[in-house]
Amino acid sequence: PDVVYPKETAELVEALCRRYAGTRSDLIRSAIPARH
C-alpha cells in the first residue's frame, strides 16, 4: 500500500525519458529500490 511512485517522481521520469530516449520502466528501476 506504500505510494512509492508519487506524482513528482512520475513527472521527473517522464521528462527524463523524453530527454534520454528511454523507457519509463528502465528509469523506475533506478528510482525505486526493490521491495523488501
ModelCIF file with pLDDT and N, C-alpha, C, O atoms, coordinates in Angstrom:
data_MODEL
#
_entry.id   MODEL 
#
_entity.id                         1 
_entity.type                       polymer 
_entity.pdbx_number_of_molecules   1 
#
_entity_poly.entity_id                      1 
_entity_poly.type                           'polypeptide(L)' 
_entity_poly.nstd_linkage                   no 
_entity_poly.nstd_monomer                   no 
_entity_poly.pdbx_seq_one_letter_code       PDVVYPKETAELVEALCRRYAGTRSDLIRSAIPARH 
_entity_poly.pdbx_seq_one_letter_code_can   PDVVYPKETAELVEALCRRYAGTRSDLIRSAIPARH 
_entity_poly.pdbx_strand_id                 A 
#
loop_
_entity_poly_seq.entity_id 
_entity_poly_seq.num 
_entity_poly_seq.mon_id 
_entity_poly_seq.hetero 
1 1  PRO n 
1 2  ASP n 
1 3  VAL n 
1 4  VAL n 
1 5  TYR n 
1 6  PRO n 
1 7  LYS n 
1 8  GLU n 
1 9  THR n 
1 10 ALA n 
1 11 GLU n 
1 12 LEU n 
1 13 VAL n 
1 14 GLU n 
1 15 ALA n 
1 16 LEU n 
1 17 CYS n 
1 18 ARG n 
1 19 ARG n 
1 20 TYR n 
1 21 ALA n 
1 22 GLY n 
1 23 THR n 
1 24 ARG n 
1 25 SER n 
1 26 ASP n 
1 27 LEU n 
1 28 ILE n 
1 29 ARG n 
1 30 SER n 
1 31 ALA n 
1 32 ILE n 
1 33 PRO n 
1 34 ALA n 
1 35 ARG n 
1 36 HIS n 
#
_struct_asym.id          A 
_struct_asym.entity_id   1 
#
loop_
_ma_qa_metric.id 
_ma_qa_metric.mode 
_ma_qa_metric.name 
_ma_qa_metric.software_group_id 
_ma_qa_metric.type 
1 global pLDDT . pLDDT 
2 local  pLDDT . pLDDT 
#
_ma_qa_metric_global.metric_id      1 
_ma_qa_metric_global.metric_value   94.61 
_ma_qa_metric_global.model_id       1 
_ma_qa_metric_global.ordinal_id     1 
#
loop_
_ma_qa_metric_local.label_asym_id 
_ma_qa_metric_local.label_comp_id 
_ma_qa_metric_local.label_seq_id 
_ma_qa_metric_local.metric_id 
_ma_qa_metric_local.metric_value 
_ma_qa_metric_local.model_id 
_ma_qa_metric_local.ordinal_id 
A PRO 1  2 93.00 1 1  
A ASP 2  2 93.00 1 2  
A VAL 3  2 95.00 1 3  
A VAL 4  2 95.00 1 4  
A TYR 5  2 97.00 1 5  
A PRO 6  2 96.00 1 6  
A LYS 7  2 95.00 1 7  
A GLU 8  2 96.00 1 8  
A THR 9  2 97.00 1 9  
A ALA 10 2 97.00 1 10 
A GLU 11 2 97.00 1 11 
A LEU 12 2 97.00 1 12 
A VAL 13 2 97.00 1 13 
A GLU 14 2 96.00 1 14 
A ALA 15 2 97.00 1 15 
A LEU 16 2 97.00 1 16 
A CYS 17 2 96.00 1 17 
A ARG 18 2 95.00 1 18 
A ARG 19 2 96.00 1 19 
A TYR 20 2 96.00 1 20 
A ALA 21 2 95.00 1 21 
A GLY 22 2 95.00 1 22 
A THR 23 2 95.00 1 23 
A ARG 24 2 96.00 1 24 
A SER 25 2 94.00 1 25 
A ASP 26 2 94.00 1 26 
A LEU 27 2 95.00 1 27 
A ILE 28 2 96.00 1 28 
A ARG 29 2 91.00 1 29 
A SER 30 2 90.00 1 30 
A ALA 31 2 94.00 1 31 
A ILE 32 2 95.00 1 32 
A PRO 33 2 93.00 1 33 
A ALA 34 2 90.00 1 34 
A ARG 35 2 89.00 1 35 
A HIS 36 2 86.00 1 36 
#
loop_
_atom_site.group_PDB 
_atom_site.id 
_atom_site.type_symbol 
_atom_site.label_atom_id 
_atom_site.label_alt_id 
_atom_site.label_comp_id 
_atom_site.label_asym_id 
_atom_site.label_entity_id 
_atom_site.label_seq_id 
_atom_site.pdbx_PDB_ins_code 
_atom_site.Cartn_x 
_atom_site.Cartn_y 
_atom_site.Cartn_z 
_atom_site.occupancy 
_atom_site.B_iso_or_equiv 
_atom_site.pdbx_formal_charge 
_atom_site.auth_seq_id 
_atom_site.auth_comp_id 
_atom_site.auth_asym_id 
_atom_site.auth_atom_id 
_atom_site.pdbx_PDB_model_num 
ATOM 1   N N  . PRO A 1 1  ? 0.803  -1.230 0.000   1.00 93.00 ? 1  PRO A N  1 
ATOM 2   C CA . PRO A 1 1  ? 0.000  0.000  0.000   1.00 93.00 ? 1  PRO A CA 1 
ATOM 3   C C  . PRO A 1 1  ? 0.835  1.280  0.000   1.00 93.00 ? 1  PRO A C  1 
ATOM 4   O O  . PRO A 1 1  ? 0.276  2.372  -0.099  1.00 93.00 ? 1  PRO A O  1 
ATOM 5   N N  . ASP A 1 2  ? 2.167  1.169  0.109   1.00 93.00 ? 2  ASP A N  1 
ATOM 6   C CA . ASP A 1 2  ? 3.017  2.357  0.126   1.00 93.00 ? 2  ASP A CA 1 
ATOM 7   C C  . ASP A 1 2  ? 3.057  3.009  -1.256  1.00 93.00 ? 2  ASP A C  1 
ATOM 8   O O  . ASP A 1 2  ? 3.243  2.336  -2.270  1.00 93.00 ? 2  ASP A O  1 
ATOM 9   N N  . VAL A 1 3  ? 2.882  4.311  -1.276  1.00 95.00 ? 3  VAL A N  1 
ATOM 10  C CA . VAL A 1 3  ? 2.948  5.077  -2.531  1.00 95.00 ? 3  VAL A CA 1 
ATOM 11  C C  . VAL A 1 3  ? 4.426  5.357  -2.831  1.00 95.00 ? 3  VAL A C  1 
ATOM 12  O O  . VAL A 1 3  ? 5.005  6.320  -2.327  1.00 95.00 ? 3  VAL A O  1 
ATOM 13  N N  . VAL A 1 4  ? 5.014  4.502  -3.653  1.00 95.00 ? 4  VAL A N  1 
ATOM 14  C CA . VAL A 1 4  ? 6.444  4.598  -3.945  1.00 95.00 ? 4  VAL A CA 1 
ATOM 15  C C  . VAL A 1 4  ? 6.732  5.386  -5.218  1.00 95.00 ? 4  VAL A C  1 
ATOM 16  O O  . VAL A 1 4  ? 7.889  5.678  -5.520  1.00 95.00 ? 4  VAL A O  1 
ATOM 17  N N  . TYR A 1 5  ? 5.691  5.730  -5.963  1.00 97.00 ? 5  TYR A N  1 
ATOM 18  C CA . TYR A 1 5  ? 5.857  6.453  -7.225  1.00 97.00 ? 5  TYR A CA 1 
ATOM 19  C C  . TYR A 1 5  ? 4.946  7.681  -7.209  1.00 97.00 ? 5  TYR A C  1 
ATOM 20  O O  . TYR A 1 5  ? 3.958  7.734  -7.942  1.00 97.00 ? 5  TYR A O  1 
ATOM 21  N N  . PRO A 1 6  ? 5.282  8.673  -6.366  1.00 96.00 ? 6  PRO A N  1 
ATOM 22  C CA . PRO A 1 6  ? 4.422  9.856  -6.251  1.00 96.00 ? 6  PRO A CA 1 
ATOM 23  C C  . PRO A 1 6  ? 4.426  10.675 -7.537  1.00 96.00 ? 6  PRO A C  1 
ATOM 24  O O  . PRO A 1 6  ? 5.191  10.412 -8.466  1.00 96.00 ? 6  PRO A O  1 
ATOM 25  N N  . LYS A 1 7  ? 3.562  11.659 -7.561  1.00 95.00 ? 7  LYS A N  1 
ATOM 26  C CA . LYS A 1 7  ? 3.384  12.479 -8.760  1.00 95.00 ? 7  LYS A CA 1 
ATOM 27  C C  . LYS A 1 7  ? 4.683  13.156 -9.180  1.00 95.00 ? 7  LYS A C  1 
ATOM 28  O O  . LYS A 1 7  ? 4.975  13.233 -10.374 1.00 95.00 ? 7  LYS A O  1 
ATOM 29  N N  . GLU A 1 8  ? 5.473  13.649 -8.221  1.00 96.00 ? 8  GLU A N  1 
ATOM 30  C CA . GLU A 1 8  ? 6.719  14.335 -8.552  1.00 96.00 ? 8  GLU A CA 1 
ATOM 31  C C  . GLU A 1 8  ? 7.698  13.398 -9.261  1.00 96.00 ? 8  GLU A C  1 
ATOM 32  O O  . GLU A 1 8  ? 8.364  13.795 -10.217 1.00 96.00 ? 8  GLU A O  1 
ATOM 33  N N  . THR A 1 9  ? 7.781  12.157 -8.787  1.00 97.00 ? 9  THR A N  1 
ATOM 34  C CA . THR A 1 9  ? 8.672  11.190 -9.433  1.00 97.00 ? 9  THR A CA 1 
ATOM 35  C C  . THR A 1 9  ? 8.173  10.837 -10.816 1.00 97.00 ? 9  THR A C  1 
ATOM 36  O O  . THR A 1 9  ? 8.970  10.682 -11.740 1.00 97.00 ? 9  THR A O  1 
ATOM 37  N N  . ALA A 1 10 ? 6.862  10.708 -10.975 1.00 97.00 ? 10 ALA A N  1 
ATOM 38  C CA . ALA A 1 10 ? 6.290  10.388 -12.285 1.00 97.00 ? 10 ALA A CA 1 
ATOM 39  C C  . ALA A 1 10 ? 6.615  11.483 -13.295 1.00 97.00 ? 10 ALA A C  1 
ATOM 40  O O  . ALA A 1 10 ? 6.981  11.185 -14.433 1.00 97.00 ? 10 ALA A O  1 
ATOM 41  N N  . GLU A 1 11 ? 6.486  12.737 -12.894 1.00 97.00 ? 11 GLU A N  1 
ATOM 42  C CA . GLU A 1 11 ? 6.800  13.842 -13.799 1.00 97.00 ? 11 GLU A CA 1 
ATOM 43  C C  . GLU A 1 11 ? 8.283  13.874 -14.136 1.00 97.00 ? 11 GLU A C  1 
ATOM 44  O O  . GLU A 1 11 ? 8.657  14.168 -15.272 1.00 97.00 ? 11 GLU A O  1 
ATOM 45  N N  . LEU A 1 12 ? 9.133  13.570 -13.152 1.00 97.00 ? 12 LEU A N  1 
ATOM 46  C CA . LEU A 1 12 ? 10.573 13.542 -13.383 1.00 97.00 ? 12 LEU A CA 1 
ATOM 47  C C  . LEU A 1 12 ? 10.945 12.441 -14.370 1.00 97.00 ? 12 LEU A C  1 
ATOM 48  O O  . LEU A 1 12 ? 11.727 12.668 -15.293 1.00 97.00 ? 12 LEU A O  1 
ATOM 49  N N  . VAL A 1 13 ? 10.388 11.255 -14.177 1.00 97.00 ? 13 VAL A N  1 
ATOM 50  C CA . VAL A 1 13 ? 10.684 10.130 -15.067 1.00 97.00 ? 13 VAL A CA 1 
ATOM 51  C C  . VAL A 1 13 ? 10.205 10.416 -16.478 1.00 97.00 ? 13 VAL A C  1 
ATOM 52  O O  . VAL A 1 13 ? 10.908 10.105 -17.440 1.00 97.00 ? 13 VAL A O  1 
ATOM 53  N N  . GLU A 1 14 ? 9.036  10.996 -16.623 1.00 96.00 ? 14 GLU A N  1 
ATOM 54  C CA . GLU A 1 14 ? 8.513  11.340 -17.952 1.00 96.00 ? 14 GLU A CA 1 
ATOM 55  C C  . GLU A 1 14 ? 9.471  12.295 -18.663 1.00 96.00 ? 14 GLU A C  1 
ATOM 56  O O  . GLU A 1 14 ? 9.784  12.099 -19.838 1.00 96.00 ? 14 GLU A O  1 
ATOM 57  N N  . ALA A 1 15 ? 9.933  13.318 -17.962 1.00 97.00 ? 15 ALA A N  1 
ATOM 58  C CA . ALA A 1 15 ? 10.825 14.299 -18.575 1.00 97.00 ? 15 ALA A CA 1 
ATOM 59  C C  . ALA A 1 15 ? 12.153 13.664 -18.980 1.00 97.00 ? 15 ALA A C  1 
ATOM 60  O O  . ALA A 1 15 ? 12.677 13.961 -20.053 1.00 97.00 ? 15 ALA A O  1 
ATOM 61  N N  . LEU A 1 16 ? 12.696 12.802 -18.141 1.00 97.00 ? 16 LEU A N  1 
ATOM 62  C CA . LEU A 1 16 ? 13.980 12.173 -18.445 1.00 97.00 ? 16 LEU A CA 1 
ATOM 63  C C  . LEU A 1 16 ? 13.859 11.179 -19.589 1.00 97.00 ? 16 LEU A C  1 
ATOM 64  O O  . LEU A 1 16 ? 14.810 10.997 -20.350 1.00 97.00 ? 16 LEU A O  1 
ATOM 65  N N  . CYS A 1 17 ? 12.724 10.544 -19.721 1.00 96.00 ? 17 CYS A N  1 
ATOM 66  C CA . CYS A 1 17 ? 12.515 9.638  -20.859 1.00 96.00 ? 17 CYS A CA 1 
ATOM 67  C C  . CYS A 1 17 ? 12.538 10.411 -22.171 1.00 96.00 ? 17 CYS A C  1 
ATOM 68  O O  . CYS A 1 17 ? 13.107 9.951  -23.161 1.00 96.00 ? 17 CYS A O  1 
ATOM 69  N N  . ARG A 1 18 ? 11.925 11.569 -22.175 1.00 95.00 ? 18 ARG A N  1 
ATOM 70  C CA . ARG A 1 18 ? 11.963 12.392 -23.387 1.00 95.00 ? 18 ARG A CA 1 
ATOM 71  C C  . ARG A 1 18 ? 13.378 12.902 -23.651 1.00 95.00 ? 18 ARG A C  1 
ATOM 72  O O  . ARG A 1 18 ? 13.792 13.022 -24.804 1.00 95.00 ? 18 ARG A O  1 
ATOM 73  N N  . ARG A 1 19 ? 14.101 13.195 -22.609 1.00 96.00 ? 19 ARG A N  1 
ATOM 74  C CA . ARG A 1 19 ? 15.459 13.731 -22.747 1.00 96.00 ? 19 ARG A CA 1 
ATOM 75  C C  . ARG A 1 19 ? 16.440 12.674 -23.232 1.00 96.00 ? 19 ARG A C  1 
ATOM 76  O O  . ARG A 1 19 ? 17.293 12.954 -24.073 1.00 96.00 ? 19 ARG A O  1 
ATOM 77  N N  . TYR A 1 20 ? 16.322 11.455 -22.702 1.00 96.00 ? 20 TYR A N  1 
ATOM 78  C CA . TYR A 1 20 ? 17.319 10.409 -22.945 1.00 96.00 ? 20 TYR A CA 1 
ATOM 79  C C  . TYR A 1 20 ? 16.828 9.264  -23.823 1.00 96.00 ? 20 TYR A C  1 
ATOM 80  O O  . TYR A 1 20 ? 17.504 8.238  -23.914 1.00 96.00 ? 20 TYR A O  1 
ATOM 81  N N  . ALA A 1 21 ? 15.685 9.405  -24.465 1.00 95.00 ? 21 ALA A N  1 
ATOM 82  C CA . ALA A 1 21 ? 15.157 8.359  -25.350 1.00 95.00 ? 21 ALA A CA 1 
ATOM 83  C C  . ALA A 1 21 ? 14.998 7.038  -24.593 1.00 95.00 ? 21 ALA A C  1 
ATOM 84  O O  . ALA A 1 21 ? 15.312 5.970  -25.119 1.00 95.00 ? 21 ALA A O  1 
ATOM 85  N N  . GLY A 1 22 ? 14.510 7.122  -23.361 1.00 95.00 ? 22 GLY A N  1 
ATOM 86  C CA . GLY A 1 22 ? 14.397 5.932  -22.530 1.00 95.00 ? 22 GLY A CA 1 
ATOM 87  C C  . GLY A 1 22 ? 12.978 5.451  -22.366 1.00 95.00 ? 22 GLY A C  1 
ATOM 88  O O  . GLY A 1 22 ? 12.036 6.081  -22.849 1.00 95.00 ? 22 GLY A O  1 
ATOM 89  N N  . THR A 1 23 ? 12.827 4.336  -21.685 1.00 95.00 ? 23 THR A N  1 
ATOM 90  C CA . THR A 1 23 ? 11.515 3.811  -21.306 1.00 95.00 ? 23 THR A CA 1 
ATOM 91  C C  . THR A 1 23 ? 11.326 4.025  -19.811 1.00 95.00 ? 23 THR A C  1 
ATOM 92  O O  . THR A 1 23 ? 12.281 3.989  -19.035 1.00 95.00 ? 23 THR A O  1 
ATOM 93  N N  . ARG A 1 24 ? 10.086 4.247  -19.429 1.00 96.00 ? 24 ARG A N  1 
ATOM 94  C CA . ARG A 1 24 ? 9.804  4.564  -18.031 1.00 96.00 ? 24 ARG A CA 1 
ATOM 95  C C  . ARG A 1 24 ? 10.190 3.430  -17.093 1.00 96.00 ? 24 ARG A C  1 
ATOM 96  O O  . ARG A 1 24 ? 10.666 3.684  -15.986 1.00 96.00 ? 24 ARG A O  1 
ATOM 97  N N  . SER A 1 25 ? 9.993  2.189  -17.512 1.00 94.00 ? 25 SER A N  1 
ATOM 98  C CA . SER A 1 25 ? 10.304 1.069  -16.619 1.00 94.00 ? 25 SER A CA 1 
ATOM 99  C C  . SER A 1 25 ? 11.798 0.990  -16.320 1.00 94.00 ? 25 SER A C  1 
ATOM 100 O O  . SER A 1 25 ? 12.184 0.580  -15.225 1.00 94.00 ? 25 SER A O  1 
ATOM 101 N N  . ASP A 1 26 ? 12.653 1.378  -17.283 1.00 94.00 ? 26 ASP A N  1 
ATOM 102 C CA . ASP A 1 26 ? 14.099 1.379  -17.037 1.00 94.00 ? 26 ASP A CA 1 
ATOM 103 C C  . ASP A 1 26 ? 14.473 2.426  -15.988 1.00 94.00 ? 26 ASP A C  1 
ATOM 104 O O  . ASP A 1 26 ? 15.314 2.175  -15.126 1.00 94.00 ? 26 ASP A O  1 
ATOM 105 N N  . LEU A 1 27 ? 13.846 3.595  -16.066 1.00 95.00 ? 27 LEU A N  1 
ATOM 106 C CA . LEU A 1 27 ? 14.146 4.635  -15.083 1.00 95.00 ? 27 LEU A CA 1 
ATOM 107 C C  . LEU A 1 27 ? 13.531 4.331  -13.728 1.00 95.00 ? 27 LEU A C  1 
ATOM 108 O O  . LEU A 1 27 ? 14.117 4.658  -12.696 1.00 95.00 ? 27 LEU A O  1 
ATOM 109 N N  . ILE A 1 28 ? 12.365 3.712  -13.716 1.00 96.00 ? 28 ILE A N  1 
ATOM 110 C CA . ILE A 1 28 ? 11.734 3.341  -12.445 1.00 96.00 ? 28 ILE A CA 1 
ATOM 111 C C  . ILE A 1 28 ? 12.599 2.334  -11.694 1.00 96.00 ? 28 ILE A C  1 
ATOM 112 O O  . ILE A 1 28 ? 12.627 2.331  -10.463 1.00 96.00 ? 28 ILE A O  1 
ATOM 113 N N  . ARG A 1 29 ? 13.288 1.498  -12.417 1.00 91.00 ? 29 ARG A N  1 
ATOM 114 C CA . ARG A 1 29 ? 14.208 0.535  -11.798 1.00 91.00 ? 29 ARG A CA 1 
ATOM 115 C C  . ARG A 1 29 ? 15.287 1.249  -10.994 1.00 91.00 ? 29 ARG A C  1 
ATOM 116 O O  . ARG A 1 29 ? 15.696 0.764  -9.940  1.00 91.00 ? 29 ARG A O  1 
ATOM 117 N N  . SER A 1 30 ? 15.755 2.405  -11.485 1.00 90.00 ? 30 SER A N  1 
ATOM 118 C CA . SER A 1 30 ? 16.750 3.186  -10.747 1.00 90.00 ? 30 SER A CA 1 
ATOM 119 C C  . SER A 1 30 ? 16.116 4.040  -9.660  1.00 90.00 ? 30 SER A C  1 
ATOM 120 O O  . SER A 1 30 ? 16.719 4.272  -8.612  1.00 90.00 ? 30 SER A O  1 
ATOM 121 N N  . ALA A 1 31 ? 14.891 4.508  -9.915  1.00 94.00 ? 31 ALA A N  1 
ATOM 122 C CA . ALA A 1 31 ? 14.261 5.446  -8.991  1.00 94.00 ? 31 ALA A CA 1 
ATOM 123 C C  . ALA A 1 31 ? 13.691 4.770  -7.753  1.00 94.00 ? 31 ALA A C  1 
ATOM 124 O O  . ALA A 1 31 ? 13.670 5.373  -6.680  1.00 94.00 ? 31 ALA A O  1 
ATOM 125 N N  . ILE A 1 32 ? 13.226 3.524  -7.880  1.00 95.00 ? 32 ILE A N  1 
ATOM 126 C CA . ILE A 1 32 ? 12.563 2.836  -6.769  1.00 95.00 ? 32 ILE A CA 1 
ATOM 127 C C  . ILE A 1 32 ? 13.350 1.575  -6.422  1.00 95.00 ? 32 ILE A C  1 
ATOM 128 O O  . ILE A 1 32 ? 13.493 0.702  -7.279  1.00 95.00 ? 32 ILE A O  1 
ATOM 129 N N  . PRO A 1 33 ? 13.860 1.446  -5.209  1.00 93.00 ? 33 PRO A N  1 
ATOM 130 C CA . PRO A 1 33 ? 14.577 0.217  -4.831  1.00 93.00 ? 33 PRO A CA 1 
ATOM 131 C C  . PRO A 1 33 ? 13.645 -0.990 -4.831  1.00 93.00 ? 33 PRO A C  1 
ATOM 132 O O  . PRO A 1 33 ? 12.426 -0.852 -4.734  1.00 93.00 ? 33 PRO A O  1 
ATOM 133 N N  . ALA A 1 34 ? 14.235 -2.162 -4.942  1.00 90.00 ? 34 ALA A N  1 
ATOM 134 C CA . ALA A 1 34 ? 13.453 -3.399 -4.880  1.00 90.00 ? 34 ALA A CA 1 
ATOM 135 C C  . ALA A 1 34 ? 12.747 -3.507 -3.528  1.00 90.00 ? 34 ALA A C  1 
ATOM 136 O O  . ALA A 1 34 ? 13.312 -3.171 -2.487  1.00 90.00 ? 34 ALA A O  1 
ATOM 137 N N  . ARG A 1 35 ? 11.515 -3.978 -3.567  1.00 89.00 ? 35 ARG A N  1 
ATOM 138 C CA . ARG A 1 35 ? 10.734 -4.065 -2.332  1.00 89.00 ? 35 ARG A CA 1 
ATOM 139 C C  . ARG A 1 35 ? 11.300 -5.138 -1.411  1.00 89.00 ? 35 ARG A C  1 
ATOM 140 O O  . ARG A 1 35 ? 11.775 -6.183 -1.855  1.00 89.00 ? 35 ARG A O  1 
ATOM 141 N N  . HIS A 1 36 ? 11.235 -4.846 -0.116  1.00 86.00 ? 36 HIS A N  1 
ATOM 142 C CA . HIS A 1 36 ? 11.635 -5.820 0.904   1.00 86.00 ? 36 HIS A CA 1 
ATOM 143 C C  . HIS A 1 36 ? 10.571 -5.797 1.984   1.00 86.00 ? 36 HIS A C  1 
ATOM 144 O O  . HIS A 1 36 ? 10.672 -6.533 2.965   1.00 86.00 ? 36 HIS A O  1 
#
